Amino acid sequence: MPATGVRWASALFAAAVAWALIGCASDPRAGYSTASAYDEEIRSISVRVFENSTYEHGLEVYLTDAIVKEIHRTTPWRVVSEELAETVLSGAVTDVRLRRVSRDRRSGLVQEMAYEVVTDYDWRDRRTGRVLAARRNFRAADAFVPALGVNERIDIGAQGAVEALARDIVASLRTQW
């Protein structure tokens, strides 16, 4: 390759690197970033079993388990016992609702339903007592089809809503934008 070709390729490479560095920020709050969106000063979290004031028995256990799995999957934090944790996540399932999403025009029967779970939660720093995040009436829903021919059980909607709620709760624990 001639010397001008090498210089041209080097200049093009340097321009690409400069363009990439300009586009990324070191702080996720300042734009696109390669840094973690989660607070890296926090290394451990404890997740209390959520309380449940609804008639949906066991939903609090499924939600707590889904949150723990989501923390393992998407954050740099370790889930540990409360005595060893730097932070504690606690909450309550406050309501469960079934909503009609669609109805058959001819028969009037429900075609699709949504299973919605409503929670309140607090995330506290055990070292300082400061509330890191708190939400009230935080909700997620998922649809299922109980109509003839499909006959999906309500458990399909419940599982989808719990998993969506766990993803959303853990995502809300990110560094404040």
C-alpha atoms as a PDB file:
ATOM      1  CA  MET A   1       0.000   0.000   0.000  1.00  0.00           C
ATOM      2  CA  PRO A   2       1.447   3.415  -0.906  1.00  0.00           C
ATOM      3  CA  ALA A   3       2.302   5.884   1.851  1.00  0.00           C
ATOM      4  CA  THR A   4      -0.646   8.142   0.981  1.00  0.00           C
ATOM      5  CA  GLY A   5      -3.016   5.168   1.387  1.00  0.00           C
ATOM      6  CA  VAL A   6      -1.613   4.419   4.845  1.00  0.00           C
ATOM      7  CA  ARG A   7      -1.937   8.062   5.863  1.00  0.00           C
ATOM      8  CA  TRP A   8      -5.493   8.173   4.505  1.00  0.00           C
ATOM      9  CA  ALA A   9      -6.467   4.999   6.409  1.00  0.00           C
ATOM     10  CA  SER A  10      -4.820   6.316   9.616  1.00  0.00           C
ATOM     11  CA  ALA A  11      -6.638   9.645   9.326  1.00  0.00           C
ATOM     12  CA  LEU A  12      -9.949   7.869   8.706  1.00  0.00           C
ATOM     13  CA  PHE A  13      -9.382   5.609  11.732  1.00  0.00           C
ATOM     14  CA  ALA A  14      -8.488   8.590  13.965  1.00  0.00           C
ATOM     15  CA  ALA A  15     -11.610  10.453  12.811  1.00  0.00           C
ATOM     16  CA  ALA A  16     -13.790   7.410  13.599  1.00  0.00           C
ATOM     17  CA  VAL A  17     -12.291   7.077  17.090  1.00  0.00           C
ATOM     18  CA  ALA A  18     -12.773  10.808  17.754  1.00  0.00           C
ATOM     19  CA  TRP A  19     -16.375  10.644  16.544  1.00  0.00           C
ATOM     20  CA  ALA A  20     -17.089   7.674  18.839  1.00  0.00           C
ATOM     21  CA  LEU A  21     -15.549   9.438  21.846  1.00  0.00           C
ATOM     22  CA  ILE A  22     -17.533  12.602  21.210  1.00  0.00           C
ATOM     23  CA  GLY A  23     -20.782  10.624  21.124  1.00  0.00           C
ATOM     24  CA  CYS A  24     -20.282   8.889  24.478  1.00  0.00           C
ATOM     25  CA  ALA A  25     -20.373  10.447  27.920  1.00  0.00           C
ATOM     26  CA  SER A  26     -18.672   9.125  31.022  1.00  0.00           C
ATOM     27  CA  ASP A  27     -21.858   9.742  33.024  1.00  0.00           C
ATOM     28  CA  PRO A  28     -25.101   7.985  31.931  1.00  0.00           C
ATOM     29  CA  ARG A  29     -27.072  11.095  32.968  1.00  0.00           C
ATOM     30  CA  ALA A  30     -25.173  13.184  30.390  1.00  0.00           C
ATOM     31  CA  GLY A  31     -26.022  11.156  27.293  1.00  0.00           C
ATOM     32  CA  TYR A  32     -25.017   7.872  25.720  1.00  0.00           C
ATOM     33  CA  SER A  33     -22.499   6.143  27.918  1.00  0.00           C
ATOM     34  CA  THR A  34     -20.580   2.941  28.287  1.00  0.00           C
ATOM     35  CA  ALA A  35     -20.684   3.294  32.093  1.00  0.00           C
ATOM     36  CA  SER A  36     -23.116   1.266  34.176  1.00  0.00           C
ATOM     37  CA  ALA A  37     -26.514   2.849  34.748  1.00  0.00           C
ATOM     38  CA  TYR A  38     -26.504   1.349  38.245  1.00  0.00           C
ATOM     39  CA  ASP A  39     -24.717   2.929  41.204  1.00  0.00           C
ATOM     40  CA  GLU A  40     -21.374   1.138  41.370  1.00  0.00           C
ATOM     41  CA  GLU A  41     -20.767   2.283  44.950  1.00  0.00           C
ATOM     42  CA  ILE A  42     -23.528  -0.124  45.981  1.00  0.00           C
ATOM     43  CA  ARG A  43     -22.381  -3.718  45.984  1.00  0.00           C
ATOM     44  CA  SER A  44     -25.168  -5.574  47.807  1.00  0.00           C
ATOM     45  CA  ILE A  45     -28.915  -5.523  48.187  1.00  0.00           C
ATOM     46  CA  SER A  46     -31.401  -7.455  50.277  1.00  0.00           C
ATOM     47  CA  VAL A  47     -34.905  -8.063  48.959  1.00  0.00           C
ATOM     48  CA  ARG A  48     -37.572  -8.622  51.593  1.00  0.00           C
ATOM     49  CA  VAL A  49     -40.535 -10.781  50.667  1.00  0.00           C
ATOM     50  CA  PHE A  50     -43.186  -8.312  49.553  1.00  0.00           C
ATOM     51  CA  GLU A  51     -46.311  -8.033  51.683  1.00  0.00           C
ATOM     52  CA  ASN A  52     -49.599  -8.962  50.070  1.00  0.00           C
ATOM     53  CA  SER A  53     -52.897  -7.317  50.994  1.00  0.00           C
ATOM     54  CA  THR A  54     -54.815  -8.989  48.155  1.00  0.00           C
ATOM     55  CA  TYR A  55     -56.621 -12.310  47.912  1.00  0.00           C
ATOM     56  CA  GLU A  56     -54.072 -13.606  45.390  1.00  0.00           C
ATOM     57  CA  HIS A  57     -52.271 -16.116  47.589  1.00  0.00           C
ATOM     58  CA  GLY A  58     -48.549 -16.532  46.872  1.00  0.00           C
ATOM     59  CA  LEU A  59     -48.238 -13.620  44.448  1.00  0.00           C
ATOM     60  CA  GLU A  60     -45.813 -11.840  46.803  1.00  0.00           C
ATOM     61  CA  VAL A  61     -43.440 -14.825  46.727  1.00  0.00           C
ATOM     62  CA  TYR A  62     -43.498 -15.017  42.921  1.00  0.00           C
ATOM     63  CA  LEU A  63     -42.858 -11.262  42.649  1.00  0.00           C
ATOM     64  CA  THR A  64     -39.978 -11.313  45.154  1.00  0.00           C
ATOM     65  CA  ASP A  65     -38.379 -14.261  43.364  1.00  0.00           C
ATOM     66  CA  ALA A  66     -38.730 -12.518  39.980  1.00  0.00           C
ATOM     67  CA  ILE A  67     -37.119  -9.341  41.380  1.00  0.00           C
ATOM     68  CA  VAL A  68     -34.156 -11.298  42.782  1.00  0.00           C
ATOM     69  CA  LYS A  69     -33.650 -13.050  39.435  1.00  0.00           C
ATOM     70  CA  GLU A  70     -33.842  -9.720  37.587  1.00  0.00           C
ATOM     71  CA  ILE A  71     -31.263  -8.154  39.935  1.00  0.00           C
ATOM     72  CA  HIS A  72     -28.919 -11.086  39.276  1.00  0.00           C
ATOM     73  CA  ARG A  73     -29.509 -10.849  35.537  1.00  0.00           C
ATOM     74  CA  THR A  74     -29.174  -7.103  34.965  1.00  0.00           C
ATOM     75  CA  THR A  75     -27.286  -5.396  37.792  1.00  0.00           C
ATOM     76  CA  PRO A  76     -23.772  -5.573  39.243  1.00  0.00           C
ATOM     77  CA  TRP A  77     -25.187  -6.092  42.768  1.00  0.00           C
ATOM     78  CA  ARG A  78     -25.175  -9.234  44.893  1.00  0.00           C
ATOM     79  CA  VAL A  79     -28.381 -10.258  46.668  1.00  0.00           C
ATOM     80  CA  VAL A  80     -27.500 -11.054  50.284  1.00  0.00           C
ATOM     81  CA  SER A  81     -29.208 -11.367  53.664  1.00  0.00           C
ATOM     82  CA  GLU A  82     -30.443  -8.159  55.223  1.00  0.00           C
ATOM     83  CA  GLU A  83     -27.726  -8.180  57.904  1.00  0.00           C
ATOM     84  CA  LEU A  84     -24.992  -8.109  55.244  1.00  0.00           C
ATOM     85  CA  ALA A  85     -26.698  -5.809  52.727  1.00  0.00           C
ATOM     86  CA  GLU A  86     -25.860  -2.175  52.078  1.00  0.00           C
ATOM     87  CA  THR A  87     -29.383  -1.526  50.767  1.00  0.00           C
ATOM     88  CA  VAL A  88     -32.815  -3.063  51.342  1.00  0.00           C
ATOM     89  CA  LEU A  89     -35.742  -3.278  48.926  1.00  0.00           C
ATOM     90  CA  SER A  90     -39.144  -3.801  50.544  1.00  0.00           C
ATOM     91  CA  GLY A  91     -42.665  -3.445  49.273  1.00  0.00           C
ATOM     92  CA  ALA A  92     -46.243  -4.596  49.129  1.00  0.00           C
ATOM     93  CA  VAL A  93     -48.650  -5.912  46.521  1.00  0.00           C
ATOM     94  CA  THR A  94     -51.600  -3.566  47.051  1.00  0.00           C
ATOM     95  CA  ASP A  95     -54.033  -4.569  44.301  1.00  0.00           C
ATOM     96  CA  VAL A  96     -54.655  -7.096  41.561  1.00  0.00           C
ATOM     97  CA  ARG A  97     -57.132  -6.328  38.809  1.00  0.00           C
ATOM     98  CA  LEU A  98     -58.556  -8.085  35.796  1.00  0.00           C
ATOM     99  CA  ARG A  99     -59.437  -5.755  32.932  1.00  0.00           C
ATOM    100  CA  ARG A 100     -61.278  -6.580  29.753  1.00  0.00           C
ATOM    101  CA  VAL A 101     -59.094  -5.719  26.765  1.00  0.00           C
ATOM    102  CA  SER A 102     -61.319  -6.902  23.936  1.00  0.00           C
ATOM    103  CA  ARG A 103     -64.735  -8.436  23.339  1.00  0.00           C
ATOM    104  CA  ASP A 104     -66.146 -10.492  20.472  1.00  0.00           C
ATOM    105  CA  ARG A 105     -68.448  -8.261  18.389  1.00  0.00           C
ATOM    106  CA  ARG A 106     -70.934 -11.033  17.668  1.00  0.00           C
ATOM    107  CA  SER A 107     -71.262 -12.787  21.007  1.00  0.00           C
ATOM    108  CA  GLY A 108     -70.168 -10.047  23.416  1.00  0.00           C
ATOM    109  CA  LEU A 109     -67.914 -12.540  25.202  1.00  0.00           C
ATOM    110  CA  VAL A 110     -64.504 -11.437  26.446  1.00  0.00           C
ATOM    111  CA  GLN A 111     -61.728 -12.285  24.004  1.00  0.00           C
ATOM    112  CA  GLU A 112     -58.696 -10.893  25.824  1.00  0.00           C
ATOM    113  CA  MET A 113     -58.105  -9.941  29.468  1.00  0.00           C
ATOM    114  CA  ALA A 114     -55.291  -8.068  31.216  1.00  0.00           C
ATOM    115  CA  TYR A 115     -53.964  -9.140  34.595  1.00  0.00           C
ATOM    116  CA  GLU A 116     -52.651  -6.076  36.425  1.00  0.00           C
ATOM    117  CA  VAL A 117     -50.542  -6.029  39.604  1.00  0.00           C
ATOM    118  CA  VAL A 118     -50.140  -2.840  41.669  1.00  0.00           C
ATOM    119  CA  THR A 119     -47.325  -2.378  44.211  1.00  0.00           C
ATOM    120  CA  ASP A 120     -45.703   0.120  46.526  1.00  0.00           C
ATOM    121  CA  TYR A 121     -41.994  -0.188  47.297  1.00  0.00           C
ATOM    122  CA  ASP A 122     -39.089   1.534  49.048  1.00  0.00           C
ATOM    123  CA  TRP A 123     -35.369   1.067  48.488  1.00  0.00           C
ATOM    124  CA  ARG A 124     -33.262   2.259  51.429  1.00  0.00           C
ATOM    125  CA  ASP A 125     -29.577   2.590  52.146  1.00  0.00           C
ATOM    126  CA  ARG A 126     -29.019   0.725  55.427  1.00  0.00           C
ATOM    127  CA  ARG A 127     -25.861   2.697  56.173  1.00  0.00           C
ATOM    128  CA  THR A 128     -27.503   6.142  56.113  1.00  0.00           C
ATOM    129  CA  GLY A 129     -31.238   5.371  56.301  1.00  0.00           C
ATOM    130  CA  ARG A 130     -31.757   7.473  53.167  1.00  0.00           C
ATOM    131  CA  VAL A 131     -34.510   6.446  50.740  1.00  0.00           C
ATOM    132  CA  LEU A 132     -32.853   5.778  47.377  1.00  0.00           C
ATOM    133  CA  ALA A 133     -36.090   5.144  45.484  1.00  0.00           C
ATOM    134  CA  ALA A 134     -39.756   4.897  46.399  1.00  0.00           C
ATOM    135  CA  ARG A 135     -42.829   4.406  44.258  1.00  0.00           C
ATOM    136  CA  ARG A 136     -46.531   4.186  45.026  1.00  0.00           C
ATOM    137  CA  ASN A 137     -49.143   2.597  42.772  1.00  0.00           C
ATOM    138  CA  PHE A 138     -46.411   1.156  40.558  1.00  0.00           C
ATOM    139  CA  ARG A 139     -48.096  -1.229  38.157  1.00  0.00           C
ATOM    140  CA  ALA A 140     -47.611  -3.653  35.327  1.00  0.00           C
ATOM    141  CA  ALA A 141     -50.023  -5.789  33.331  1.00  0.00           C
ATOM    142  CA  ASP A 142     -49.963  -8.626  30.847  1.00  0.00           C
ATOM    143  CA  ALA A 143     -52.679  -9.984  28.608  1.00  0.00           C
ATOM    144  CA  PHE A 144     -54.037 -13.497  28.260  1.00  0.00           C
ATOM    145  CA  VAL A 145     -56.761 -14.949  26.036  1.00  0.00           C
ATOM    146  CA  PRO A 146     -59.436 -16.929  27.915  1.00  0.00           C
ATOM    147  CA  ALA A 147     -61.658 -17.154  24.802  1.00  0.00           C
ATOM    148  CA  LEU A 148     -62.750 -20.484  23.361  1.00  0.00           C
ATOM    149  CA  GLY A 149     -60.194 -21.977  21.045  1.00  0.00           C
ATOM    150  CA  VAL A 150     -57.249 -20.534  22.952  1.00  0.00           C
ATOM    151  CA  ASN A 151     -58.336 -21.108  26.564  1.00  0.00           C
ATOM    152  CA  GLU A 152     -55.289 -19.545  28.216  1.00  0.00           C
ATOM    153  CA  ARG A 153     -55.379 -19.777  31.978  1.00  0.00           C
ATOM    154  CA  ILE A 154     -55.263 -16.708  34.186  1.00  0.00           C
ATOM    155  CA  ASP A 155     -51.820 -17.900  35.342  1.00  0.00           C
ATOM    156  CA  ILE A 156     -50.401 -16.836  31.953  1.00  0.00           C
ATOM    157  CA  GLY A 157     -51.439 -13.230  32.598  1.00  0.00           C
ATOM    158  CA  ALA A 158     -50.298 -13.349  36.234  1.00  0.00           C
ATOM    159  CA  GLN A 159     -46.857 -14.675  35.339  1.00  0.00           C
ATOM    160  CA  GLY A 160     -46.393 -12.111  32.579  1.00  0.00           C
ATOM    161  CA  ALA A 161     -47.491  -9.240  34.839  1.00  0.00           C
ATOM    162  CA  VAL A 162     -45.166 -10.344  37.669  1.00  0.00           C
ATOM    163  CA  GLU A 163     -42.187 -10.645  35.308  1.00  0.00           C
ATOM    164  CA  ALA A 164     -42.915  -7.238  33.741  1.00  0.00           C
ATOM    165  CA  LEU A 165     -43.283  -5.674  37.194  1.00  0.00           C
ATOM    166  CA  ALA A 166     -39.976  -7.184  38.350  1.00  0.00           C
ATOM    167  CA  ARG A 167     -38.188  -5.817  35.242  1.00  0.00           C
ATOM    168  CA  ASP A 168     -39.714  -2.373  35.786  1.00  0.00           C
ATOM    169  CA  ILE A 169     -38.927  -2.253  39.523  1.00  0.00           C
ATOM    170  CA  VAL A 170     -35.281  -3.223  38.998  1.00  0.00           C
ATOM    171  CA  ALA A 171     -34.971  -0.779  36.086  1.00  0.00           C
ATOM    172  CA  SER A 172     -36.275   1.991  38.357  1.00  0.00           C
ATOM    173  CA  LEU A 173     -33.340   1.365  40.736  1.00  0.00           C
ATOM    174  CA  ARG A 174     -30.906   2.791  38.192  1.00  0.00           C
ATOM    175  CA  THR A 175     -28.902   5.892  38.915  1.00  0.00           C
ATOM    176  CA  GLN A 176     -31.214   8.901  38.764  1.00  0.00           C
ATOM    177  CA  TRP A 177     -31.243  10.306  35.243  1.00  0.00           C
END
